[in-house]
């Protein structure tokens, strides 16, 4: 069993979920809709200076599902190569 965490701009959230459906990633996750942070791209702080915000998706799954998630995220990253999409597996 693995814990998967994905952090990305709210603007790409639906694209990620659509890619999950395309690769048949089970819809067993929790989304924290608003997360602020400063990573390798523009800050997402939800304020007047940096108004964008991130979301956080957490999922517990088996190893074979992690591979499907990686393929789905690769597809989204090709479309949004300027957006940082954090992907962590514990």
C-alpha atoms as a PDB file:
ATOM      1  CA  UNK A   1       0.000   0.000   0.000  1.00  0.00           C
ATOM      2  CA  UNK A   2       1.341   3.407  -1.009  1.00  0.00           C
ATOM      3  CA  UNK A   3       0.404   6.955  -0.106  1.00  0.00           C
ATOM      4  CA  UNK A   4       0.315   9.253  -3.137  1.00  0.00           C
ATOM      5  CA  UNK A   5       0.293  13.045  -2.817  1.00  0.00           C
ATOM      6  CA  UNK A   6      -0.229  15.347  -5.779  1.00  0.00           C
ATOM      7  CA  UNK A   7       0.078  19.116  -5.483  1.00  0.00           C
ATOM      8  CA  UNK A   8      -0.786  21.315  -8.449  1.00  0.00           C
ATOM      9  CA  UNK A   9      -2.500  24.519  -9.502  1.00  0.00           C
ATOM     10  CA  UNK A  10      -6.272  24.455  -9.216  1.00  0.00           C
ATOM     11  CA  UNK A  11      -6.336  25.319 -12.926  1.00  0.00           C
ATOM     12  CA  UNK A  12      -5.148  21.799 -13.856  1.00  0.00           C
ATOM     13  CA  UNK A  13      -7.196  19.834 -11.326  1.00  0.00           C
ATOM     14  CA  UNK A  14      -9.918  18.791 -13.771  1.00  0.00           C
ATOM     15  CA  UNK A  15      -7.328  17.802 -16.373  1.00  0.00           C
ATOM     16  CA  UNK A  16      -5.674  15.530 -13.813  1.00  0.00           C
ATOM     17  CA  UNK A  17      -8.993  13.936 -12.873  1.00  0.00           C
ATOM     18  CA  UNK A  18      -9.845  13.478 -16.572  1.00  0.00           C
ATOM     19  CA  UNK A  19      -6.470  11.790 -17.130  1.00  0.00           C
ATOM     20  CA  UNK A  20      -7.160   9.541 -14.133  1.00  0.00           C
ATOM     21  CA  UNK A  21     -10.426   8.470 -15.783  1.00  0.00           C
ATOM     22  CA  UNK A  22      -8.625   7.870 -19.100  1.00  0.00           C
ATOM     23  CA  UNK A  23      -6.067   5.590 -17.422  1.00  0.00           C
ATOM     24  CA  UNK A  24      -8.727   4.030 -15.169  1.00  0.00           C
ATOM     25  CA  UNK A  25      -7.214   5.214 -11.901  1.00  0.00           C
ATOM     26  CA  UNK A  26      -9.742   4.317  -9.199  1.00  0.00           C
ATOM     27  CA  UNK A  27     -11.602   7.332  -7.830  1.00  0.00           C
ATOM     28  CA  UNK A  28     -10.608   6.678  -4.224  1.00  0.00           C
ATOM     29  CA  UNK A  29      -8.937   9.877  -3.079  1.00  0.00           C
ATOM     30  CA  UNK A  30      -9.316  12.958  -0.943  1.00  0.00           C
ATOM     31  CA  UNK A  31      -8.908  16.438  -2.368  1.00  0.00           C
ATOM     32  CA  UNK A  32      -7.996  19.366  -0.171  1.00  0.00           C
ATOM     33  CA  UNK A  33      -9.252  22.144  -2.452  1.00  0.00           C
ATOM     34  CA  UNK A  34      -7.069  25.034  -1.297  1.00  0.00           C
ATOM     35  CA  UNK A  35      -3.355  24.837  -0.589  1.00  0.00           C
ATOM     36  CA  UNK A  36      -0.887  27.714  -0.653  1.00  0.00           C
ATOM     37  CA  UNK A  37       2.787  27.382  -1.377  1.00  0.00           C
ATOM     38  CA  UNK A  38       5.893  28.466  -3.185  1.00  0.00           C
ATOM     39  CA  UNK A  39       7.662  25.830  -5.243  1.00  0.00           C
ATOM     40  CA  UNK A  40       9.675  25.852  -8.456  1.00  0.00           C
ATOM     41  CA  UNK A  41       7.089  27.840 -10.424  1.00  0.00           C
ATOM     42  CA  UNK A  42       5.145  30.969  -9.544  1.00  0.00           C
ATOM     43  CA  UNK A  43       3.897  31.215  -5.956  1.00  0.00           C
ATOM     44  CA  UNK A  44       0.306  30.162  -5.314  1.00  0.00           C
ATOM     45  CA  UNK A  45      -0.609  32.165  -2.215  1.00  0.00           C
ATOM     46  CA  UNK A  46      -4.225  33.199  -2.842  1.00  0.00           C
ATOM     47  CA  UNK A  47      -3.551  36.865  -2.123  1.00  0.00           C
ATOM     48  CA  UNK A  48      -3.606  40.110  -4.118  1.00  0.00           C
ATOM     49  CA  UNK A  49      -0.011  39.698  -5.294  1.00  0.00           C
ATOM     50  CA  UNK A  50      -0.041  35.936  -6.019  1.00  0.00           C
ATOM     51  CA  UNK A  51      -3.753  35.103  -6.467  1.00  0.00           C
ATOM     52  CA  UNK A  52      -3.482  31.536  -7.779  1.00  0.00           C
ATOM     53  CA  UNK A  53      -4.007  28.577  -5.455  1.00  0.00           C
ATOM     54  CA  UNK A  54      -3.041  24.915  -5.424  1.00  0.00           C
ATOM     55  CA  UNK A  55      -4.983  21.827  -4.479  1.00  0.00           C
ATOM     56  CA  UNK A  56      -3.727  18.678  -2.773  1.00  0.00           C
ATOM     57  CA  UNK A  57      -4.864  15.172  -3.683  1.00  0.00           C
ATOM     58  CA  UNK A  58      -4.107  12.270  -1.339  1.00  0.00           C
ATOM     59  CA  UNK A  59      -4.662   8.640  -2.252  1.00  0.00           C
ATOM     60  CA  UNK A  60      -3.761   5.281  -0.758  1.00  0.00           C
ATOM     61  CA  UNK A  61      -3.348   2.612  -3.415  1.00  0.00           C
ATOM     62  CA  UNK A  62      -1.475  -0.453  -4.601  1.00  0.00           C
ATOM     63  CA  UNK A  63       1.774  -0.280  -6.591  1.00  0.00           C
ATOM     64  CA  UNK A  64       0.106  -0.995  -9.953  1.00  0.00           C
ATOM     65  CA  UNK A  65      -2.162   2.052  -9.460  1.00  0.00           C
ATOM     66  CA  UNK A  66       0.889   4.250  -8.849  1.00  0.00           C
ATOM     67  CA  UNK A  67       2.065   3.328 -12.356  1.00  0.00           C
ATOM     68  CA  UNK A  68      -1.304   4.403 -13.808  1.00  0.00           C
ATOM     69  CA  UNK A  69      -1.092   7.695 -11.921  1.00  0.00           C
ATOM     70  CA  UNK A  70       2.404   8.328 -13.316  1.00  0.00           C
ATOM     71  CA  UNK A  71       1.142   7.786 -16.876  1.00  0.00           C
ATOM     72  CA  UNK A  72      -1.833  10.079 -16.282  1.00  0.00           C
ATOM     73  CA  UNK A  73       0.352  12.837 -14.843  1.00  0.00           C
ATOM     74  CA  UNK A  74       2.842  12.528 -17.718  1.00  0.00           C
ATOM     75  CA  UNK A  75      -0.036  13.269 -20.098  1.00  0.00           C
ATOM     76  CA  UNK A  76      -1.078  16.362 -18.134  1.00  0.00           C
ATOM     77  CA  UNK A  77       2.518  17.573 -17.784  1.00  0.00           C
ATOM     78  CA  UNK A  78       2.917  17.505 -21.574  1.00  0.00           C
ATOM     79  CA  UNK A  79      -0.087  19.806 -21.921  1.00  0.00           C
ATOM     80  CA  UNK A  80       0.956  22.101 -19.061  1.00  0.00           C
ATOM     81  CA  UNK A  81       4.738  22.043 -19.236  1.00  0.00           C
ATOM     82  CA  UNK A  82       4.894  25.457 -17.504  1.00  0.00           C
ATOM     83  CA  UNK A  83       2.970  24.279 -14.422  1.00  0.00           C
ATOM     84  CA  UNK A  84       4.633  22.542 -11.538  1.00  0.00           C
ATOM     85  CA  UNK A  85       2.857  19.319 -10.599  1.00  0.00           C
ATOM     86  CA  UNK A  86       4.229  17.790  -7.429  1.00  0.00           C
ATOM     87  CA  UNK A  87       3.960  13.996  -7.214  1.00  0.00           C
ATOM     88  CA  UNK A  88       5.153  12.117  -4.162  1.00  0.00           C
ATOM     89  CA  UNK A  89       4.854   8.433  -3.306  1.00  0.00           C
ATOM     90  CA  UNK A  90       5.411   7.247   0.254  1.00  0.00           C
END
